[in-house]
Amino acid sequence: MFTSSIGTPMMPGDLTKRLQRLLADAGLPRLRYHDLRHGTASLLVGQGIHPRTIMEILGHSTIKVTMNTYAHVAPALQREAATSLDQVFGSGSGA
């Protein structure tokens, strides 16, 4: 929950206006709060943060919801996992 300068709950429209003002002042494009949420989740998945942690941050009811929504980030993690396994099994080392 966000509050006003006097501690009362902010109305959703006021919150959106404040976000847009902050983005404009920073020279950034218009975004919705949902875009910030989605971006955060994508970054966390891309950094290899455990899906359970991301699920809890986002408030999803299941990991399935989280991973079905953010699975598009997974290919980079799959490449990283394959490289890691390659190192474990000593590919190219003649082992």
PDB file of N, CA and C in Angstrom:
ATOM      1  N   MET A   1       0.847  -1.176   0.000  1.00  0.00           N
ATOM      2  CA  MET A   1       0.000   0.000   0.000  1.00  0.00           C
ATOM      3  C   MET A   1       0.888   1.233   0.000  1.00  0.00           C
ATOM      4  N   PHE A   2       0.519   2.191  -0.783  1.00  0.00           N
ATOM      5  CA  PHE A   2       1.216   3.465  -0.831  1.00  0.00           C
ATOM      6  C   PHE A   2       0.371   4.506  -0.116  1.00  0.00           C
ATOM      7  N   THR A   3       1.042   5.424   0.552  1.00  0.00           N
ATOM      8  CA  THR A   3       0.320   6.471   1.269  1.00  0.00           C
ATOM      9  C   THR A   3       0.709   7.845   0.759  1.00  0.00           C
ATOM     10  N   SER A   4      -0.187   8.772   0.992  1.00  0.00           N
ATOM     11  CA  SER A   4       0.066  10.166   0.631  1.00  0.00           C
ATOM     12  C   SER A   4       1.025  10.780   1.651  1.00  0.00           C
ATOM     13  N   SER A   5       1.356  12.036   1.436  1.00  0.00           N
ATOM     14  CA  SER A   5       2.274  12.725   2.354  1.00  0.00           C
ATOM     15  C   SER A   5       1.683  12.897   3.751  1.00  0.00           C
ATOM     16  N   ILE A   6       0.350  12.742   3.862  1.00  0.00           N
ATOM     17  CA  ILE A   6      -0.263  12.866   5.189  1.00  0.00           C
ATOM     18  C   ILE A   6      -0.668  11.502   5.764  1.00  0.00           C
ATOM     19  N   GLY A   7      -0.251  10.415   5.082  1.00  0.00           N
ATOM     20  CA  GLY A   7      -0.470   9.073   5.604  1.00  0.00           C
ATOM     21  C   GLY A   7      -1.754   8.387   5.194  1.00  0.00           C
ATOM     22  N   THR A   8      -2.563   9.040   4.370  1.00  0.00           N
ATOM     23  CA  THR A   8      -3.791   8.396   3.907  1.00  0.00           C
ATOM     24  C   THR A   8      -3.472   7.535   2.674  1.00  0.00           C
ATOM     25  N   PRO A   9      -4.288   6.502   2.409  1.00  0.00           N
ATOM     26  CA  PRO A   9      -4.035   5.662   1.228  1.00  0.00           C
ATOM     27  C   PRO A   9      -4.107   6.491  -0.054  1.00  0.00           C
ATOM     28  N   MET A  10      -3.183   6.238  -0.964  1.00  0.00           N
ATOM     29  CA  MET A  10      -3.211   6.922  -2.257  1.00  0.00           C
ATOM     30  C   MET A  10      -4.254   6.265  -3.147  1.00  0.00           C
ATOM     31  N   MET A  11      -4.946   7.059  -3.890  1.00  0.00           N
ATOM     32  CA  MET A  11      -5.899   6.549  -4.862  1.00  0.00           C
ATOM     33  C   MET A  11      -5.107   6.004  -6.053  1.00  0.00           C
ATOM     34  N   PRO A  12      -5.577   4.923  -6.683  1.00  0.00           N
ATOM     35  CA  PRO A  12      -4.833   4.328  -7.795  1.00  0.00           C
ATOM     36  C   PRO A  12      -4.474   5.324  -8.898  1.00  0.00           C
ATOM     37  N   GLY A  13      -5.394   6.197  -9.245  1.00  0.00           N
ATOM     38  CA  GLY A  13      -5.113   7.191 -10.289  1.00  0.00           C
ATOM     39  C   GLY A  13      -3.986   8.132  -9.894  1.00  0.00           C
ATOM     40  N   ASP A  14      -3.948   8.523  -8.632  1.00  0.00           N
ATOM     41  CA  ASP A  14      -2.886   9.404  -8.154  1.00  0.00           C
ATOM     42  C   ASP A  14      -1.539   8.690  -8.185  1.00  0.00           C
ATOM     43  N   LEU A  15      -1.561   7.426  -7.851  1.00  0.00           N
ATOM     44  CA  LEU A  15      -0.338   6.626  -7.870  1.00  0.00           C
ATOM     45  C   LEU A  15       0.199   6.510  -9.299  1.00  0.00           C
ATOM     46  N   THR A  16      -0.693   6.275 -10.235  1.00  0.00           N
ATOM     47  CA  THR A  16      -0.298   6.178 -11.645  1.00  0.00           C
ATOM     48  C   THR A  16       0.275   7.502 -12.131  1.00  0.00           C
ATOM     49  N   LYS A  17      -0.370   8.602 -11.779  1.00  0.00           N
ATOM     50  CA  LYS A  17       0.130   9.925 -12.188  1.00  0.00           C
ATOM     51  C   LYS A  17       1.529  10.167 -11.623  1.00  0.00           C
ATOM     52  N   ARG A  18       1.730   9.786 -10.370  1.00  0.00           N
ATOM     53  CA  ARG A  18       3.046   9.975  -9.749  1.00  0.00           C
ATOM     54  C   ARG A  18       4.112   9.132 -10.452  1.00  0.00           C
ATOM     55  N   LEU A  19       3.787   7.888 -10.774  1.00  0.00           N
ATOM     56  CA  LEU A  19       4.726   7.040 -11.500  1.00  0.00           C
ATOM     57  C   LEU A  19       5.086   7.664 -12.838  1.00  0.00           C
ATOM     58  N   GLN A  20       4.071   8.118 -13.579  1.00  0.00           N
ATOM     59  CA  GLN A  20       4.327   8.699 -14.898  1.00  0.00           C
ATOM     60  C   GLN A  20       5.190   9.957 -14.794  1.00  0.00           C
ATOM     61  N   ARG A  21       4.962  10.753 -13.758  1.00  0.00           N
ATOM     62  CA  ARG A  21       5.769  11.964 -13.539  1.00  0.00           C
ATOM     63  C   ARG A  21       7.226  11.580 -13.248  1.00  0.00           C
ATOM     64  N   LEU A  22       7.422  10.588 -12.397  1.00  0.00           N
ATOM     65  CA  LEU A  22       8.777  10.139 -12.073  1.00  0.00           C
ATOM     66  C   LEU A  22       9.498   9.592 -13.305  1.00  0.00           C
ATOM     67  N   LEU A  23       8.787   8.813 -14.107  1.00  0.00           N
ATOM     68  CA  LEU A  23       9.383   8.277 -15.328  1.00  0.00           C
ATOM     69  C   LEU A  23       9.753   9.393 -16.301  1.00  0.00           C
ATOM     70  N   ALA A  24       8.849  10.350 -16.465  1.00  0.00           N
ATOM     71  CA  ALA A  24       9.112  11.476 -17.369  1.00  0.00           C
ATOM     72  C   ALA A  24      10.310  12.286 -16.886  1.00  0.00           C
ATOM     73  N   ASP A  25      10.368  12.553 -15.582  1.00  0.00           N
ATOM     74  CA  ASP A  25      11.488  13.313 -15.024  1.00  0.00           C
ATOM     75  C   ASP A  25      12.818  12.592 -15.241  1.00  0.00           C
ATOM     76  N   ALA A  26      12.773  11.268 -15.268  1.00  0.00           N
ATOM     77  CA  ALA A  26      13.987  10.476 -15.459  1.00  0.00           C
ATOM     78  C   ALA A  26      14.289  10.231 -16.939  1.00  0.00           C
ATOM     79  N   GLY A  27      13.409  10.746 -17.824  1.00  0.00           N
ATOM     80  CA  GLY A  27      13.615  10.561 -19.255  1.00  0.00           C
ATOM     81  C   GLY A  27      13.315   9.142 -19.723  1.00  0.00           C
ATOM     82  N   LEU A  28      12.457   8.444 -18.995  1.00  0.00           N
ATOM     83  CA  LEU A  28      12.101   7.067 -19.329  1.00  0.00           C
ATOM     84  C   LEU A  28      10.724   7.008 -19.970  1.00  0.00           C
ATOM     85  N   PRO A  29      10.466   5.950 -20.736  1.00  0.00           N
ATOM     86  CA  PRO A  29       9.147   5.826 -21.378  1.00  0.00           C
ATOM     87  C   PRO A  29       8.051   5.524 -20.362  1.00  0.00           C
ATOM     88  N   ARG A  30       6.815   5.767 -20.784  1.00  0.00           N
ATOM     89  CA  ARG A  30       5.654   5.463 -19.938  1.00  0.00           C
ATOM     90  C   ARG A  30       5.587   3.961 -19.692  1.00  0.00           C
ATOM     91  N   LEU A  31       5.299   3.583 -18.473  1.00  0.00           N
ATOM     92  CA  LEU A  31       5.144   2.182 -18.083  1.00  0.00           C
ATOM     93  C   LEU A  31       3.974   2.062 -17.125  1.00  0.00           C
ATOM     94  N   ARG A  32       3.396   0.873 -17.095  1.00  0.00           N
ATOM     95  CA  ARG A  32       2.378   0.581 -16.099  1.00  0.00           C
ATOM     96  C   ARG A  32       3.068  -0.085 -14.911  1.00  0.00           C
ATOM     97  N   TYR A  33       2.431  -0.084 -13.756  1.00  0.00           N
ATOM     98  CA  TYR A  33       3.001  -0.783 -12.607  1.00  0.00           C
ATOM     99  C   TYR A  33       3.195  -2.255 -12.934  1.00  0.00           C
ATOM    100  N   HIS A  34       2.270  -2.818 -13.685  1.00  0.00           N
ATOM    101  CA  HIS A  34       2.395  -4.228 -14.069  1.00  0.00           C
ATOM    102  C   HIS A  34       3.670  -4.452 -14.882  1.00  0.00           C
ATOM    103  N   ASP A  35       4.050  -3.482 -15.730  1.00  0.00           N
ATOM    104  CA  ASP A  35       5.285  -3.601 -16.508  1.00  0.00           C
ATOM    105  C   ASP A  35       6.498  -3.672 -15.590  1.00  0.00           C
ATOM    106  N   LEU A  36       6.478  -2.901 -14.510  1.00  0.00           N
ATOM    107  CA  LEU A  36       7.582  -2.934 -13.549  1.00  0.00           C
ATOM    108  C   LEU A  36       7.637  -4.291 -12.864  1.00  0.00           C
ATOM    109  N   ARG A  37       6.490  -4.814 -12.520  1.00  0.00           N
ATOM    110  CA  ARG A  37       6.404  -6.128 -11.877  1.00  0.00           C
ATOM    111  C   ARG A  37       6.929  -7.210 -12.810  1.00  0.00           C
ATOM    112  N   HIS A  38       6.482  -7.172 -14.058  1.00  0.00           N
ATOM    113  CA  HIS A  38       6.910  -8.162 -15.042  1.00  0.00           C
ATOM    114  C   HIS A  38       8.422  -8.060 -15.287  1.00  0.00           C
ATOM    115  N   GLY A  39       8.912  -6.845 -15.398  1.00  0.00           N
ATOM    116  CA  GLY A  39      10.343  -6.645 -15.611  1.00  0.00           C
ATOM    117  C   GLY A  39      11.176  -7.165 -14.453  1.00  0.00           C
ATOM    118  N   THR A  40      10.711  -6.905 -13.253  1.00  0.00           N
ATOM    119  CA  THR A  40      11.412  -7.395 -12.067  1.00  0.00           C
ATOM    120  C   THR A  40      11.470  -8.913 -12.068  1.00  0.00           C
ATOM    121  N   ALA A  41      10.351  -9.551 -12.335  1.00  0.00           N
ATOM    122  CA  ALA A  41      10.308 -11.016 -12.351  1.00  0.00           C
ATOM    123  C   ALA A  41      11.233 -11.572 -13.429  1.00  0.00           C
ATOM    124  N   SER A  42      11.222 -10.968 -14.614  1.00  0.00           N
ATOM    125  CA  SER A  42      12.089 -11.437 -15.695  1.00  0.00           C
ATOM    126  C   SER A  42      13.557 -11.309 -15.317  1.00  0.00           C
ATOM    127  N   LEU A  43      13.912 -10.207 -14.693  1.00  0.00           N
ATOM    128  CA  LEU A  43      15.298 -10.025 -14.251  1.00  0.00           C
ATOM    129  C   LEU A  43      15.686 -11.056 -13.199  1.00  0.00           C
ATOM    130  N   LEU A  44      14.790 -11.338 -12.269  1.00  0.00           N
ATOM    131  CA  LEU A  44      15.082 -12.320 -11.224  1.00  0.00           C
ATOM    132  C   LEU A  44      15.260 -13.711 -11.818  1.00  0.00           C
ATOM    133  N   VAL A  45      14.389 -14.096 -12.752  1.00  0.00           N
ATOM    134  CA  VAL A  45      14.534 -15.397 -13.414  1.00  0.00           C
ATOM    135  C   VAL A  45      15.871 -15.437 -14.151  1.00  0.00           C
ATOM    136  N   GLY A  46      16.183 -14.375 -14.866  1.00  0.00           N
ATOM    137  CA  GLY A  46      17.434 -14.305 -15.620  1.00  0.00           C
ATOM    138  C   GLY A  46      18.678 -14.367 -14.754  1.00  0.00           C
ATOM    139  N   GLN A  47      18.540 -13.958 -13.507  1.00  0.00           N
ATOM    140  CA  GLN A  47      19.666 -14.004 -12.575  1.00  0.00           C
ATOM    141  C   GLN A  47      19.760 -15.346 -11.865  1.00  0.00           C
ATOM    142  N   GLY A  48      18.836 -16.245 -12.181  1.00  0.00           N
ATOM    143  CA  GLY A  48      18.877 -17.569 -11.591  1.00  0.00           C
ATOM    144  C   GLY A  48      18.296 -17.653 -10.187  1.00  0.00           C
ATOM    145  N   ILE A  49      17.491 -16.665  -9.809  1.00  0.00           N
ATOM    146  CA  ILE A  49      16.850 -16.708  -8.502  1.00  0.00           C
ATOM    147  C   ILE A  49      15.842 -17.864  -8.497  1.00  0.00           C
ATOM    148  N   HIS A  50      15.792 -18.587  -7.415  1.00  0.00           N
ATOM    149  CA  HIS A  50      14.925 -19.765  -7.332  1.00  0.00           C
ATOM    150  C   HIS A  50      13.470 -19.366  -7.582  1.00  0.00           C
ATOM    151  N   PRO A  51      12.761 -20.157  -8.404  1.00  0.00           N
ATOM    152  CA  PRO A  51      11.359 -19.839  -8.718  1.00  0.00           C
ATOM    153  C   PRO A  51      10.468 -19.671  -7.493  1.00  0.00           C
ATOM    154  N   ARG A  52      10.725 -20.420  -6.442  1.00  0.00           N
ATOM    155  CA  ARG A  52       9.908 -20.302  -5.230  1.00  0.00           C
ATOM    156  C   ARG A  52      10.034 -18.902  -4.640  1.00  0.00           C
ATOM    157  N   THR A  53      11.241 -18.364  -4.654  1.00  0.00           N
ATOM    158  CA  THR A  53      11.475 -17.020  -4.135  1.00  0.00           C
ATOM    159  C   THR A  53      10.728 -15.993  -4.982  1.00  0.00           C
ATOM    160  N   ILE A  54      10.812 -16.147  -6.294  1.00  0.00           N
ATOM    161  CA  ILE A  54      10.122 -15.215  -7.204  1.00  0.00           C
ATOM    162  C   ILE A  54       8.618 -15.315  -7.002  1.00  0.00           C
ATOM    163  N   MET A  55       8.117 -16.549  -6.869  1.00  0.00           N
ATOM    164  CA  MET A  55       6.694 -16.774  -6.631  1.00  0.00           C
ATOM    165  C   MET A  55       6.229 -16.013  -5.391  1.00  0.00           C
ATOM    166  N   GLU A  56       7.014 -16.099  -4.325  1.00  0.00           N
ATOM    167  CA  GLU A  56       6.635 -15.439  -3.085  1.00  0.00           C
ATOM    168  C   GLU A  56       6.701 -13.916  -3.210  1.00  0.00           C
ATOM    169  N   ILE A  57       7.707 -13.404  -3.899  1.00  0.00           N
ATOM    170  CA  ILE A  57       7.819 -11.957  -4.103  1.00  0.00           C
ATOM    171  C   ILE A  57       6.607 -11.431  -4.871  1.00  0.00           C
ATOM    172  N   LEU A  58       6.209 -12.169  -5.907  1.00  0.00           N
ATOM    173  CA  LEU A  58       5.097 -11.737  -6.758  1.00  0.00           C
ATOM    174  C   LEU A  58       3.730 -12.039  -6.157  1.00  0.00           C
ATOM    175  N   GLY A  59       3.700 -12.929  -5.180  1.00  0.00           N
ATOM    176  CA  GLY A  59       2.428 -13.288  -4.567  1.00  0.00           C
ATOM    177  C   GLY A  59       1.625 -14.275  -5.386  1.00  0.00           C
ATOM    178  N   HIS A  60       2.296 -15.012  -6.278  1.00  0.00           N
ATOM    179  CA  HIS A  60       1.593 -16.035  -7.047  1.00  0.00           C
ATOM    180  C   HIS A  60       1.219 -17.192  -6.127  1.00  0.00           C
ATOM    181  N   SER A  61       0.152 -17.904  -6.474  1.00  0.00           N
ATOM    182  CA  SER A  61      -0.306 -19.015  -5.643  1.00  0.00           C
ATOM    183  C   SER A  61       0.520 -20.278  -5.857  1.00  0.00           C
ATOM    184  N   THR A  62       1.130 -20.412  -7.044  1.00  0.00           N
ATOM    185  CA  THR A  62       1.939 -21.597  -7.334  1.00  0.00           C
ATOM    186  C   THR A  62       3.161 -21.212  -8.166  1.00  0.00           C
ATOM    187  N   ILE A  63       4.170 -22.070  -8.103  1.00  0.00           N
ATOM    188  CA  ILE A  63       5.359 -21.865  -8.949  1.00  0.00           C
ATOM    189  C   ILE A  63       4.966 -22.002 -10.418  1.00  0.00           C
ATOM    190  N   LYS A  64       3.998 -22.848 -10.702  1.00  0.00           N
ATOM    191  CA  LYS A  64       3.541 -23.058 -12.079  1.00  0.00           C
ATOM    192  C   LYS A  64       3.114 -21.731 -12.717  1.00  0.00           C
ATOM    193  N   VAL A  65       2.368 -20.935 -11.981  1.00  0.00           N
ATOM    194  CA  VAL A  65       1.935 -19.627 -12.501  1.00  0.00           C
ATOM    195  C   VAL A  65       3.154 -18.772 -12.823  1.00  0.00           C
ATOM    196  N   THR A  66       4.091 -18.731 -11.906  1.00  0.00           N
ATOM    197  CA  THR A  66       5.297 -17.917 -12.096  1.00  0.00           C
ATOM    198  C   THR A  66       6.079 -18.372 -13.319  1.00  0.00           C
ATOM    199  N   MET A  67       6.376 -19.662 -13.383  1.00  0.00           N
ATOM    200  CA  MET A  67       7.225 -20.161 -14.458  1.00  0.00           C
ATOM    201  C   MET A  67       6.519 -20.176 -15.808  1.00  0.00           C
ATOM    202  N   ASN A  68       5.206 -20.399 -15.834  1.00  0.00           N
ATOM    203  CA  ASN A  68       4.494 -20.327 -17.115  1.00  0.00           C
ATOM    204  C   ASN A  68       4.496 -18.904 -17.657  1.00  0.00           C
ATOM    205  N   THR A  69       4.477 -17.931 -16.762  1.00  0.00           N
ATOM    206  CA  THR A  69       4.460 -16.534 -17.185  1.00  0.00           C
ATOM    207  C   THR A  69       5.840 -16.047 -17.606  1.00  0.00           C
ATOM    208  N   TYR A  70       6.884 -16.524 -16.932  1.00  0.00           N
ATOM    209  CA  TYR A  70       8.230 -16.003 -17.162  1.00  0.00           C
ATOM    210  C   TYR A  70       9.182 -17.012 -17.786  1.00  0.00           C
ATOM    211  N   ALA A  71       8.648 -18.075 -18.388  1.00  0.00           N
ATOM    212  CA  ALA A  71       9.480 -19.120 -18.987  1.00  0.00           C
ATOM    213  C   ALA A  71      10.317 -18.601 -20.157  1.00  0.00           C
ATOM    214  N   HIS A  72       9.912 -17.494 -20.767  1.00  0.00           N
ATOM    215  CA  HIS A  72      10.659 -16.962 -21.906  1.00  0.00           C
ATOM    216  C   HIS A  72      12.085 -16.557 -21.529  1.00  0.00           C
ATOM    217  N   VAL A  73      12.368 -16.406 -20.254  1.00  0.00           N
ATOM    218  CA  VAL A  73      13.708 -16.036 -19.801  1.00  0.00           C
ATOM    219  C   VAL A  73      14.582 -17.283 -19.663  1.00  0.00           C
ATOM    220  N   ALA A  74      13.978 -18.453 -19.574  1.00  0.00           N
ATOM    221  CA  ALA A  74      14.681 -19.693 -19.266  1.00  0.00           C
ATOM    222  C   ALA A  74      15.738 -20.142 -20.282  1.00  0.00           C
ATOM    223  N   PRO A  75      15.637 -19.879 -21.591  1.00  0.00           N
ATOM    224  CA  PRO A  75      16.664 -20.383 -22.510  1.00  0.00           C
ATOM    225  C   PRO A  75      18.096 -19.995 -22.122  1.00  0.00           C
ATOM    226  N   ALA A  76      18.303 -18.786 -21.656  1.00  0.00           N
ATOM    227  CA  ALA A  76      19.646 -18.388 -21.241  1.00  0.00           C
ATOM    228  C   ALA A  76      20.105 -19.226 -20.053  1.00  0.00           C
ATOM    229  N   LEU A  77      19.195 -19.527 -19.143  1.00  0.00           N
ATOM    230  CA  LEU A  77      19.532 -20.373 -18.000  1.00  0.00           C
ATOM    231  C   LEU A  77      19.819 -21.799 -18.445  1.00  0.00           C
ATOM    232  N   GLN A  78      19.115 -22.270 -19.468  1.00  0.00           N
ATOM    233  CA  GLN A  78      19.360 -23.613 -19.982  1.00  0.00           C
ATOM    234  C   GLN A  78      20.752 -23.707 -20.601  1.00  0.00           C
ATOM    235  N   ARG A  79      21.160 -22.670 -21.331  1.00  0.00           N
ATOM    236  CA  ARG A  79      22.515 -22.648 -21.899  1.00  0.00           C
ATOM    237  C   ARG A  79      23.558 -22.662 -20.793  1.00  0.00           C
ATOM    238  N   GLU A  80      23.303 -21.876 -19.752  1.00  0.00           N
ATOM    239  CA  GLU A  80      24.224 -21.818 -18.625  1.00  0.00           C
ATOM    240  C   GLU A  80      24.326 -23.183 -17.941  1.00  0.00           C
ATOM    241  N   ALA A  81      23.204 -23.865 -17.782  1.00  0.00           N
ATOM    242  CA  ALA A  81      23.206 -25.191 -17.167  1.00  0.00           C
ATOM    243  C   ALA A  81      23.983 -26.180 -18.027  1.00  0.00           C
ATOM    244  N   ALA A  82      23.793 -26.128 -19.336  1.00  0.00           N
ATOM    245  CA  ALA A  82      24.517 -27.030 -20.237  1.00  0.00           C
ATOM    246  C   ALA A  82      26.019 -26.774 -20.169  1.00  0.00           C
ATOM    247  N   THR A  83      26.411 -25.524 -20.124  1.00  0.00           N
ATOM    248  CA  THR A  83      27.831 -25.178 -20.006  1.00  0.00           C
ATOM    249  C   THR A  83      28.403 -25.689 -18.691  1.00  0.00           C
ATOM    250  N   SER A  84      27.630 -25.547 -17.628  1.00  0.00           N
ATOM    251  CA  SER A  84      28.064 -26.025 -16.316  1.00  0.00           C
ATOM    252  C   SER A  84      28.266 -27.542 -16.325  1.00  0.00           C
ATOM    253  N   LEU A  85      27.325 -28.272 -16.913  1.00  0.00           N
ATOM    254  CA  LEU A  85      27.466 -29.721 -17.013  1.00  0.00           C
ATOM    255  C   LEU A  85      28.666 -30.101 -17.890  1.00  0.00           C
ATOM    256  N   ASP A  86      28.876 -29.344 -18.941  1.00  0.00           N
ATOM    257  CA  ASP A  86      30.010 -29.568 -19.817  1.00  0.00           C
ATOM    258  C   ASP A  86      31.313 -29.466 -19.019  1.00  0.00           C
ATOM    259  N   GLN A  87      31.377 -28.484 -18.133  1.00  0.00           N
ATOM    260  CA  GLN A  87      32.564 -28.306 -17.299  1.00  0.00           C
ATOM    261  C   GLN A  87      32.714 -29.453 -16.303  1.00  0.00           C
ATOM    262  N   VAL A  88      31.609 -29.904 -15.729  1.00  0.00           N
ATOM    263  CA  VAL A  88      31.647 -31.003 -14.746  1.00  0.00           C
ATOM    264  C   VAL A  88      32.170 -32.284 -15.401  1.00  0.00           C
ATOM    265  N   PHE A  89      31.703 -32.554 -16.608  1.00  0.00           N
ATOM    266  CA  PHE A  89      32.098 -33.799 -17.267  1.00  0.00           C
ATOM    267  C   PHE A  89      33.380 -33.649 -18.081  1.00  0.00           C
ATOM    268  N   GLY A  90      34.000 -32.468 -18.009  1.00  0.00           N
ATOM    269  CA  GLY A  90      35.317 -32.268 -18.626  1.00  0.00           C
ATOM    270  C   GLY A  90      35.332 -32.360 -20.129  1.00  0.00           C
ATOM    271  N   SER A  91      34.311 -31.879 -20.785  1.00  0.00           N
ATOM    272  CA  SER A  91      34.271 -31.912 -22.245  1.00  0.00           C
ATOM    273  C   SER A  91      35.484 -31.212 -22.828  1.00  0.00           C
ATOM    274  N   GLY A  92      36.105 -31.878 -23.779  1.00  0.00           N
ATOM    275  CA  GLY A  92      37.255 -31.281 -24.436  1.00  0.00           C
ATOM    276  C   GLY A  92      38.554 -31.482 -23.690  1.00  0.00           C
ATOM    277  N   SER A  93      38.519 -32.112 -22.522  1.00  0.00           N
ATOM    278  CA  SER A  93      39.741 -32.302 -21.756  1.00  0.00           C
ATOM    279  C   SER A  93      40.341 -33.676 -21.977  1.00  0.00           C
ATOM    280  N   GLY A  94      39.696 -34.483 -22.848  1.00  0.00           N
ATOM    281  CA  GLY A  94      40.192 -35.806 -23.118  1.00  0.00           C
ATOM    282  C   GLY A  94      39.794 -36.821 -22.073  1.00  0.00           C
ATOM    283  N   ALA A  95      38.906 -36.438 -21.166  1.00  0.00           N
ATOM    284  CA  ALA A  95      38.502 -37.349 -20.091  1.00  0.00           C
ATOM    285  C   ALA A  95      37.482 -38.344 -20.545  1.00  0.00           C
TER     286      ALA A  95
END
